[in-house]
Amino acid sequence: MFLPGSAQSSGTYNEAKVSESLGTIQGVEHSPSSSRTLNSERRGKSRHRKDDNRKHIEAGAQTLTVATFLAEGEAAAYADRCATHPGSRNDLWCETCGAAICSHCVSPATGSHRAHSVMKLAAAYDDAFEAIEALQLHLVGNLGETRQRNALLDEASAALAEEFSAALAAVDLQAQQGAGRVEAARARAEGELVRLSDECMGWRRGLEGALGAVQRMVEELAPAQAVAERPRIERMLRAAAAARPSDWDDDLPQPRIADQAAPGWRHSTLHVTCVAELGRRRGHVHVVGDAFSAHGAVWQARVSRSRTSVGEPSLALAIACVEGPSAKRAFRVSASVAAAGIALTHAGEWAQGSEHVFSLCLLEAIAPALDGDGGLRVRVGVQPESYRELALAQEARIDDLEGRLRAVQAELAAAKADATSL
């Protein structure tokens, strides 16, 4: 790499501009030979930095060499001898033409460059030297930035690998827990199917046995014997028919094992008294249930009188997230009235302050489901959409509770300090 330097118009090297951090070069007179000497010194002193950065400099897939670089330029622009005056050495630089020239080329009488902007070749070299050196130093800074960037990328890659391992461990744990629940659900469902199969097989064998015995009697008994034994034969056939399983007409169980792979529902029951008077009697505008905690959030239900789009009186249920994550999380909420056969579900994104309103039913339709006091029991439920949503909601809840704990501890510490000062 070049070392910084400059030259005055007379061609003398100005050592005052030499960078202190890169060393000092003594000023010399810029004759052609001294210029070569100066160039040699600069090259020698900067060779170690060139070697450090040579491996970082590539042109395409190959390192750019001086020979290939000069082959792409104009040889006449930097020839050592003047092409017009072969006996003269080029010691001047024509800025107008961008070429090295000799002193005869600027002769007032015959010089072809006499009206051009000309300067000492050594001074032009110093100017080019400083410009190139500044760009080189800038690129060295860029190399430092790339090394820092690579270090940060390595750290990010390591952090990603660590987080990935932690995530896999969490997923494995959840998978084990989920697999346990799924296996338990499968075992219960399989046990029920085995019970039903055994009952079916037992009845079948009883029917086959009764039918076989009666058939043999019909074939072997004399007419008088068959007539005499008819009551016993009929009792045997009726007994075989009566052995039919009690739940034979029920639908076969439809186990929903897939539901075990998601977090379970959390439920709360709200008792609404005097439903018919809701919204009409003072102080009985709506009924608010107790807040309940479920899946990292606090929920509350409210039942009130409403109207449909055509103005018919109806019952509305609002479910609100009164305390929860600041960022929205995916939850399902449900509302059901078992006595009226009502079951509603809503899936959406919830955060603290979010609310969803169910239109349960018309007031006149709910009348048969009311209890003796004119009340109604409404069951509400909450379920995260996935274990990931549950984990994020619980994490936010833990952060909130820890913040509250720190605030309470700070208040207690301040109160103790005040008591001590008294």
Protein backbone atom coordinates (compact mmCIF):
# COMPACT_ATOMS: atom_id res chain seq x y z
CA MET A 1 0.00 0.00 0.00
CA PHE A 2 1.14 3.53 -0.73
CA LEU A 3 2.32 5.79 2.10
CA PRO A 4 0.78 9.28 2.17
CA GLY A 5 2.92 12.09 0.76
CA SER A 6 2.79 15.24 -1.36
CA ALA A 7 5.05 17.51 -3.40
CA GLN A 8 5.31 21.26 -3.82
CA SER A 9 5.20 22.80 -7.28
CA SER A 10 9.00 22.92 -7.37
CA GLY A 11 9.08 19.14 -7.13
CA THR A 12 10.36 18.99 -3.52
CA TYR A 13 8.73 16.32 -1.40
CA ASN A 14 6.79 17.93 1.47
CA GLU A 15 7.35 15.84 4.59
CA ALA A 16 5.02 17.99 6.69
CA LYS A 17 2.03 16.15 5.18
CA VAL A 18 3.33 12.70 5.97
CA SER A 19 1.01 10.79 8.29
CA GLU A 20 2.58 10.40 11.73
CA SER A 21 0.96 6.98 12.18
CA LEU A 22 2.64 5.64 9.03
CA GLY A 23 6.16 7.02 9.56
CA THR A 24 8.18 9.95 8.18
CA ILE A 25 9.99 10.21 4.85
CA GLN A 26 12.82 12.74 4.50
CA GLY A 27 12.33 15.31 1.74
CA VAL A 28 14.44 14.90 -1.38
CA GLU A 29 14.83 16.84 -4.62
CA HIS A 30 12.72 15.37 -7.42
CA SER A 31 15.15 14.78 -10.21
CA PRO A 32 14.22 11.76 -12.32
CA SER A 33 16.66 9.59 -10.35
CA SER A 34 15.47 10.91 -6.97
CA SER A 35 11.87 10.23 -8.01
CA ARG A 36 12.78 6.64 -8.70
CA THR A 37 14.54 6.46 -5.32
CA LEU A 38 11.50 7.93 -3.56
CA ASN A 39 9.20 5.53 -5.34
CA SER A 40 11.40 2.63 -4.25
CA GLU A 41 11.37 3.76 -0.63
CA ARG A 42 7.61 4.15 -0.64
CA ARG A 43 7.12 0.76 -2.19
CA GLY A 44 9.44 -0.86 0.34
CA LYS A 45 7.78 0.74 3.35
CA SER A 46 4.29 -0.12 2.18
CA ARG A 47 5.08 -3.66 1.00
CA HIS A 48 4.12 -5.26 4.32
CA ARG A 49 0.65 -3.70 4.19
CA LYS A 50 0.24 -4.72 0.57
CA ASP A 51 1.08 -8.29 1.54
CA ASP A 52 -1.52 -8.22 4.37
CA ASN A 53 -4.32 -7.18 2.04
CA ARG A 54 -3.21 -8.88 -1.19
CA LYS A 55 -5.30 -11.96 -0.41
CA HIS A 56 -8.43 -9.78 -0.12
CA ILE A 57 -8.06 -8.15 -3.55
CA GLU A 58 -9.46 -10.06 -6.49
CA ALA A 59 -10.61 -9.08 -9.96
CA GLY A 60 -13.25 -11.57 -10.96
CA ALA A 61 -11.85 -14.95 -9.96
CA GLN A 62 -8.16 -14.01 -10.46
CA THR A 63 -5.77 -11.56 -8.84
CA LEU A 64 -5.13 -8.51 -11.04
CA THR A 65 -1.43 -8.24 -11.92
CA VAL A 66 0.51 -5.13 -13.01
CA ALA A 67 1.17 -6.63 -16.45
CA THR A 68 -2.49 -7.28 -17.18
CA PHE A 69 -3.42 -3.88 -15.78
CA LEU A 70 -0.92 -1.98 -17.97
CA ALA A 71 -1.89 -4.02 -21.02
CA GLU A 72 -5.33 -2.42 -20.85
CA GLY A 73 -3.91 1.15 -20.80
CA GLU A 74 -2.23 3.38 -23.39
CA ALA A 75 1.51 2.73 -23.40
CA ALA A 76 2.26 6.05 -25.08
CA ALA A 77 0.77 7.96 -22.14
CA TYR A 78 3.41 6.73 -19.72
CA ALA A 79 6.47 5.99 -21.87
CA ASP A 80 9.83 6.75 -20.25
CA ARG A 81 11.20 8.51 -23.36
CA CYS A 82 9.45 11.20 -25.33
CA ALA A 83 8.00 9.87 -28.57
CA THR A 84 8.43 13.28 -30.27
CA HIS A 85 11.91 13.95 -28.87
CA PRO A 86 13.52 10.51 -28.45
CA GLY A 87 16.60 11.89 -26.76
CA SER A 88 14.65 13.49 -23.92
CA ARG A 89 13.23 11.84 -20.82
CA ASN A 90 9.61 12.51 -19.91
CA ASP A 91 9.71 14.54 -16.70
CA LEU A 92 6.50 16.54 -17.14
CA TRP A 93 2.81 15.64 -17.16
CA CYS A 94 0.30 17.23 -19.52
CA GLU A 95 -3.03 17.39 -17.67
CA THR A 96 -4.81 18.42 -20.87
CA CYS A 97 -3.73 15.31 -22.80
CA GLY A 98 -3.21 12.97 -19.85
CA ALA A 99 0.27 11.93 -20.99
CA ALA A 100 3.91 12.17 -19.91
CA ILE A 101 5.98 14.68 -21.96
CA CYS A 102 9.46 16.16 -21.99
CA SER A 103 10.58 19.76 -21.55
CA HIS A 104 10.92 20.26 -25.33
CA CYS A 105 7.21 19.54 -25.76
CA VAL A 106 6.39 22.80 -23.91
CA SER A 107 8.86 24.96 -25.81
CA PRO A 108 7.23 28.35 -26.55
CA ALA A 109 8.36 28.13 -30.13
CA THR A 110 7.82 24.56 -31.29
CA GLY A 111 6.31 22.63 -28.36
CA SER A 112 3.05 20.86 -29.21
CA HIS A 113 1.94 21.18 -25.56
CA ARG A 114 2.96 24.79 -25.01
CA ALA A 115 -0.62 26.00 -24.48
CA HIS A 116 -1.66 23.05 -22.30
CA SER A 117 -1.88 22.69 -18.51
CA VAL A 118 1.45 21.11 -17.55
CA MET A 119 3.00 20.16 -14.20
CA LYS A 120 6.07 18.32 -12.92
CA LEU A 121 5.73 14.56 -13.35
CA ALA A 122 6.92 14.07 -9.76
CA ALA A 123 4.24 16.47 -8.50
CA ALA A 124 1.59 14.69 -10.59
CA TYR A 125 2.84 11.45 -9.15
CA ASP A 126 2.46 12.80 -5.61
CA ASP A 127 -1.09 13.93 -6.36
CA ALA A 128 -1.98 10.54 -7.80
CA PHE A 129 -0.16 8.88 -4.91
CA GLU A 130 -2.25 10.75 -2.31
CA ALA A 131 -5.54 10.11 -4.11
CA ILE A 132 -4.84 6.39 -4.50
CA GLU A 133 -3.62 6.16 -0.91
CA ALA A 134 -6.83 7.78 0.35
CA LEU A 135 -8.92 5.29 -1.59
CA GLN A 136 -6.77 2.41 -0.33
CA LEU A 137 -7.20 3.53 3.25
CA HIS A 138 -10.96 3.72 2.66
CA LEU A 139 -10.96 0.16 1.35
CA VAL A 140 -8.92 -0.98 4.35
CA GLY A 141 -11.68 0.50 6.52
CA ASN A 142 -14.19 -1.43 4.44
CA LEU A 143 -12.22 -4.61 5.06
CA GLY A 144 -12.40 -3.94 8.80
CA GLU A 145 -16.15 -3.49 8.47
CA THR A 146 -16.47 -6.83 6.67
CA ARG A 147 -14.49 -8.57 9.43
CA GLN A 148 -16.75 -7.04 12.07
CA ARG A 149 -19.78 -8.01 10.02
CA ASN A 150 -18.52 -11.57 9.70
CA ALA A 151 -18.02 -11.74 13.46
CA LEU A 152 -21.57 -10.51 14.06
CA LEU A 153 -22.90 -13.00 11.52
CA ASP A 154 -21.01 -15.80 13.28
CA GLU A 155 -22.55 -14.73 16.58
CA ALA A 156 -25.99 -14.58 15.00
CA SER A 157 -25.49 -18.03 13.50
CA ALA A 158 -24.44 -19.44 16.87
CA ALA A 159 -27.42 -17.79 18.56
CA LEU A 160 -29.72 -19.21 15.90
CA ALA A 161 -28.32 -22.70 16.43
CA GLU A 162 -28.74 -22.36 20.20
CA GLU A 163 -32.30 -21.07 19.85
CA PHE A 164 -33.08 -23.83 17.38
CA SER A 165 -31.84 -26.44 19.83
CA ALA A 166 -33.91 -24.92 22.63
CA ALA A 167 -36.96 -24.81 20.37
CA LEU A 168 -36.47 -28.44 19.40
CA ALA A 169 -36.19 -29.40 23.06
CA ALA A 170 -39.41 -27.53 23.83
CA VAL A 171 -41.13 -29.11 20.86
CA ASP A 172 -39.90 -32.55 21.92
CA LEU A 173 -41.26 -31.99 25.42
CA GLN A 174 -44.59 -30.80 24.07
CA ALA A 175 -44.62 -33.71 21.65
CA GLN A 176 -44.06 -36.15 24.51
CA GLN A 177 -46.80 -34.57 26.56
CA GLY A 178 -49.11 -34.42 23.55
CA ALA A 179 -48.30 -38.00 22.63
CA GLY A 180 -49.19 -39.05 26.18
CA ARG A 181 -52.57 -37.33 25.96
CA VAL A 182 -53.23 -38.75 22.50
CA GLU A 183 -52.27 -42.24 23.65
CA ALA A 184 -54.53 -41.95 26.68
CA ALA A 185 -57.40 -40.79 24.48
CA ARG A 186 -56.77 -43.64 22.06
CA ALA A 187 -56.70 -46.16 24.93
CA ARG A 188 -60.02 -44.86 26.28
CA ALA A 189 -61.62 -44.93 22.84
CA GLU A 190 -60.21 -48.37 22.11
CA GLY A 191 -61.45 -49.67 25.45
CA GLU A 192 -64.94 -48.42 24.69
CA LEU A 193 -64.89 -50.06 21.25
CA VAL A 194 -63.69 -53.34 22.78
CA ARG A 195 -66.52 -53.20 25.33
CA LEU A 196 -69.10 -52.62 22.61
CA SER A 197 -67.58 -55.38 20.49
CA ASP A 198 -67.68 -57.84 23.41
CA GLU A 199 -71.31 -56.97 24.11
CA CYS A 200 -72.20 -57.40 20.45
CA MET A 201 -70.38 -60.73 20.27
CA GLY A 202 -72.02 -61.96 23.47
CA TRP A 203 -75.49 -61.16 22.19
CA ARG A 204 -74.71 -62.73 18.85
CA ARG A 205 -73.61 -65.95 20.50
CA GLY A 206 -76.75 -65.96 22.64
CA LEU A 207 -78.95 -65.50 19.60
CA GLU A 208 -77.11 -68.19 17.65
CA GLY A 209 -77.37 -70.59 20.61
CA ALA A 210 -81.09 -69.99 21.11
CA LEU A 211 -81.85 -70.32 17.42
CA GLY A 212 -79.81 -73.54 17.15
CA ALA A 213 -81.54 -75.12 20.16
CA VAL A 214 -85.01 -74.24 18.91
CA GLN A 215 -84.22 -75.52 15.43
CA ARG A 216 -83.17 -78.88 16.86
CA MET A 217 -86.35 -79.05 18.94
CA VAL A 218 -88.51 -78.31 15.92
CA GLU A 219 -86.78 -81.06 13.97
CA GLU A 220 -86.71 -83.70 16.73
CA LEU A 221 -89.87 -83.15 18.80
CA ALA A 222 -93.10 -84.88 17.95
CA PRO A 223 -96.06 -82.63 17.16
CA ALA A 224 -97.61 -83.14 20.59
CA GLN A 225 -94.29 -82.44 22.29
CA ALA A 226 -93.71 -79.26 20.27
CA VAL A 227 -97.16 -77.95 21.20
CA ALA A 228 -96.64 -78.80 24.85
CA GLU A 229 -93.18 -77.17 25.00
CA ARG A 230 -94.18 -74.08 23.07
CA PRO A 231 -94.28 -71.78 26.14
CA ARG A 232 -90.77 -72.78 27.16
CA ILE A 233 -89.44 -72.38 23.61
CA GLU A 234 -91.02 -68.90 23.33
CA ARG A 235 -89.57 -67.87 26.71
CA MET A 236 -86.12 -68.98 25.56
CA LEU A 237 -86.39 -66.95 22.33
CA ARG A 238 -87.71 -63.87 24.18
CA ALA A 239 -84.89 -64.15 26.70
CA ALA A 240 -82.33 -64.24 23.88
CA ALA A 241 -83.93 -61.13 22.30
CA ALA A 242 -84.01 -59.35 25.67
CA ALA A 243 -80.24 -59.83 26.04
CA ARG A 244 -79.76 -56.97 23.57
CA PRO A 245 -77.25 -54.42 24.98
CA SER A 246 -78.87 -51.42 26.63
CA ASP A 247 -76.98 -48.87 24.49
CA TRP A 248 -77.47 -50.74 21.22
CA ASP A 249 -79.45 -47.92 19.64
CA ASP A 250 -76.97 -45.22 20.66
CA ASP A 251 -74.58 -43.81 18.09
CA LEU A 252 -71.16 -45.36 18.05
CA PRO A 253 -68.55 -43.17 19.80
CA GLN A 254 -66.64 -40.77 17.59
CA PRO A 255 -63.41 -40.12 19.49
CA ARG A 256 -61.76 -36.85 18.60
CA ILE A 257 -58.21 -37.78 19.38
CA ALA A 258 -56.89 -34.90 17.27
CA ASP A 259 -58.34 -32.48 19.85
CA GLN A 260 -55.81 -33.83 22.34
CA ALA A 261 -52.98 -32.37 20.23
CA ALA A 262 -54.12 -28.83 21.09
CA PRO A 263 -54.37 -27.13 24.51
CA GLY A 264 -57.55 -27.97 26.35
CA TRP A 265 -60.54 -25.74 26.92
CA ARG A 266 -60.93 -23.79 30.16
CA HIS A 267 -64.51 -23.12 31.15
CA SER A 268 -66.46 -20.91 33.52
CA THR A 269 -70.19 -20.80 34.24
CA LEU A 270 -72.25 -17.64 34.50
CA HIS A 271 -75.66 -17.74 36.24
CA VAL A 272 -78.07 -15.16 34.84
CA THR A 273 -81.01 -14.53 37.16
CA CYS A 274 -84.43 -13.25 36.08
CA VAL A 275 -83.66 -13.39 32.39
CA ALA A 276 -87.07 -12.03 31.41
CA GLU A 277 -86.48 -8.88 33.47
CA LEU A 278 -82.99 -8.31 32.12
CA GLY A 279 -82.63 -4.76 30.83
CA ARG A 280 -86.05 -3.68 32.10
CA ARG A 281 -85.61 -3.51 35.84
CA ARG A 282 -83.42 -0.84 37.40
CA GLY A 283 -80.10 -2.24 38.49
CA HIS A 284 -80.57 -5.33 36.34
CA VAL A 285 -79.24 -4.04 33.03
CA HIS A 286 -76.72 -6.84 32.61
CA VAL A 287 -75.09 -9.66 34.53
CA VAL A 288 -71.31 -9.81 34.80
CA GLY A 289 -69.60 -13.05 35.72
CA ASP A 290 -66.55 -13.46 37.89
CA ALA A 291 -63.22 -12.99 36.13
CA PHE A 292 -61.41 -16.26 35.55
CA SER A 293 -57.83 -17.02 34.56
CA ALA A 294 -57.22 -19.22 31.56
CA HIS A 295 -54.14 -19.80 29.38
CA GLY A 296 -52.11 -16.80 30.44
CA ALA A 297 -54.96 -14.26 30.37
CA VAL A 298 -57.89 -13.16 32.51
CA TRP A 299 -61.36 -13.37 30.98
CA GLN A 300 -64.81 -12.13 31.91
CA ALA A 301 -68.29 -12.76 30.51
CA ARG A 302 -71.27 -10.39 30.47
CA VAL A 303 -74.86 -11.19 29.51
CA SER A 304 -77.24 -8.41 28.49
CA ARG A 305 -80.49 -7.82 26.67
CA SER A 306 -80.16 -6.95 22.99
CA ARG A 307 -82.16 -6.80 19.78
CA THR A 308 -81.81 -8.50 16.45
CA SER A 309 -81.54 -6.67 13.13
CA VAL A 310 -85.33 -6.73 12.86
CA GLY A 311 -85.86 -5.44 16.39
CA GLU A 312 -86.75 -8.68 18.19
CA PRO A 313 -85.61 -8.96 21.85
CA SER A 314 -82.64 -11.29 22.21
CA LEU A 315 -79.96 -12.35 24.64
CA ALA A 316 -76.33 -11.33 24.01
CA LEU A 317 -73.16 -12.65 25.61
CA ALA A 318 -69.91 -10.66 25.55
CA ILE A 319 -66.57 -12.32 26.35
CA ALA A 320 -63.71 -9.92 27.08
CA CYS A 321 -59.99 -10.33 27.74
CA VAL A 322 -59.58 -8.02 30.74
CA GLU A 323 -55.92 -8.86 31.32
CA GLY A 324 -53.68 -10.40 28.73
CA PRO A 325 -50.84 -10.00 26.26
CA SER A 326 -50.25 -6.64 24.62
CA ALA A 327 -49.71 -8.35 21.26
CA LYS A 328 -52.65 -10.23 19.79
CA ARG A 329 -52.70 -14.00 20.21
CA ALA A 330 -54.97 -16.56 18.53
CA PHE A 331 -57.70 -17.95 20.81
CA ARG A 332 -61.05 -19.67 20.40
CA VAL A 333 -63.94 -18.72 22.68
CA SER A 334 -67.20 -20.59 23.09
CA ALA A 335 -70.62 -19.98 24.59
CA SER A 336 -73.14 -22.70 25.31
CA VAL A 337 -76.51 -23.14 27.02
CA ALA A 338 -76.99 -26.87 27.49
CA ALA A 339 -80.66 -26.56 28.45
CA ALA A 340 -81.43 -24.79 25.17
CA GLY A 341 -79.06 -26.77 22.93
CA ILE A 342 -77.02 -23.66 22.11
CA ALA A 343 -73.31 -24.05 21.28
CA LEU A 344 -71.39 -21.23 19.59
CA THR A 345 -67.67 -20.85 18.87
CA HIS A 346 -65.59 -17.91 17.65
CA ALA A 347 -61.92 -17.98 16.57
CA GLY A 348 -59.95 -14.74 16.43
CA GLU A 349 -56.97 -12.74 17.67
CA TRP A 350 -57.10 -11.47 21.23
CA ALA A 351 -55.15 -8.98 23.30
CA GLN A 352 -55.90 -7.11 26.48
CA GLY A 353 -59.15 -5.19 25.95
CA SER A 354 -60.41 -7.39 23.10
CA GLU A 355 -64.06 -8.45 23.18
CA HIS A 356 -66.43 -10.61 21.17
CA VAL A 357 -70.24 -10.56 21.40
CA PHE A 358 -72.36 -13.65 20.77
CA SER A 359 -76.02 -13.35 19.91
CA LEU A 360 -77.29 -16.32 21.92
CA CYS A 361 -80.97 -16.53 20.99
CA LEU A 362 -84.33 -14.78 21.07
CA LEU A 363 -85.75 -14.20 24.53
CA GLU A 364 -88.96 -16.01 23.69
CA ALA A 365 -86.98 -19.05 22.46
CA ILE A 366 -84.97 -19.29 25.68
CA ALA A 367 -88.07 -19.40 27.93
CA PRO A 368 -88.33 -23.25 28.01
CA ALA A 369 -84.71 -23.52 29.19
CA LEU A 370 -85.15 -21.23 32.23
CA ASP A 371 -84.97 -22.74 35.69
CA GLY A 372 -87.59 -22.37 38.40
CA ASP A 373 -86.39 -18.87 39.33
CA GLY A 374 -86.38 -17.69 35.73
CA GLY A 375 -82.61 -17.96 35.55
CA LEU A 376 -80.21 -19.41 33.02
CA ARG A 377 -76.76 -20.96 33.20
CA VAL A 378 -74.35 -20.00 30.43
CA ARG A 379 -71.04 -21.78 30.02
CA VAL A 380 -68.13 -19.93 28.41
CA GLY A 381 -64.83 -21.45 27.33
CA VAL A 382 -61.38 -20.36 26.12
CA GLN A 383 -58.82 -22.35 24.12
CA PRO A 384 -55.53 -21.27 22.50
CA GLU A 385 -55.24 -22.07 18.83
CA SER A 386 -51.94 -23.90 19.36
CA TYR A 387 -49.29 -24.59 21.95
CA ARG A 388 -47.17 -21.85 20.42
CA GLU A 389 -49.90 -19.27 20.99
CA LEU A 390 -50.32 -20.59 24.53
CA ALA A 391 -46.58 -20.27 25.23
CA LEU A 392 -46.45 -16.70 23.92
CA ALA A 393 -49.51 -15.67 25.94
CA GLN A 394 -48.15 -17.26 29.11
CA GLU A 395 -44.74 -15.66 28.58
CA ALA A 396 -46.34 -12.22 28.28
CA ARG A 397 -48.40 -12.91 31.39
CA ILE A 398 -45.30 -13.94 33.37
CA ASP A 399 -43.48 -10.76 32.30
CA ASP A 400 -46.47 -8.68 33.43
CA LEU A 401 -46.67 -10.40 36.80
CA GLU A 402 -42.92 -10.07 37.34
CA GLY A 403 -43.18 -6.36 36.58
CA ARG A 404 -45.95 -5.99 39.14
CA LEU A 405 -43.91 -7.91 41.68
CA ARG A 406 -40.93 -5.62 41.17
CA ALA A 407 -43.16 -2.57 41.59
CA VAL A 408 -44.62 -3.93 44.84
CA GLN A 409 -41.15 -4.78 46.13
CA ALA A 410 -39.96 -1.27 45.31
CA GLU A 411 -42.93 0.20 47.19
CA LEU A 412 -42.21 -2.02 50.19
CA ALA A 413 -38.54 -1.05 50.16
CA ALA A 414 -39.49 2.63 50.01
CA ALA A 415 -41.97 2.18 52.86
CA LYS A 416 -39.31 0.43 55.00
CA ALA A 417 -36.86 3.23 54.25
CA ASP A 418 -39.40 5.83 55.31
CA ALA A 419 -40.16 3.90 58.51
CA THR A 420 -36.47 3.62 59.32
CA SER A 421 -35.92 7.35 58.84
CA LEU A 422 -38.69 8.08 61.32
